[in-house]
Amino acid sequence: MAYLFNESEMPKLVSTVPGRERVFFVSKELTGINDMLAGIMRYAQGAASPYHFHKNCEHFYFIMEGQGTVETPEGITDVGPGDMVFIPAEEKHRLRSKSPLFYFEFQAPNRFQTTILDGTPDDLLWEKVDGKIWVQS
């Protein structure tokens, strides 16, 4: 059976560190699938992820609107609409918005551990619209 999800009906997750919102369309909680995690992200201007990496997880960003930068050990690269960013497992990275940023995010598998290199544990805390806390592993 196929599933149809509309963004307006999905739980929104808001970072406890201001400026980031996400809506998952594929997650273990929503679909029972633990092989991938996928959804959309919105960053306010100037918002950023912590500098981090994911053990055992390939990671993709597809930028749909706005301008930002991706930081890796090789340096900082500008990204914008139409750019696809691939981050191999255990690659250190940070995404920062230069303007309001809207992108699709895909991570596989969804059985990974995030290690923060520059930031705080709060960077991994997300509050659901209904007030429940979702903690990224």
Foldseek 3Di string as FASTA:
>chain_A
DDDDDDQVPFWKWAQPPHFKIWTWPDDCVPPVAQFKTKTKMKGAAFDKQFFKFKAPKKKKKAWQAAKKWKQWPVGIDIDGHGDMDIDDHPTTIMITGNHITMIMMMMGRNPIDMDGDGDDLSSQWIAIPVGDIDGRD
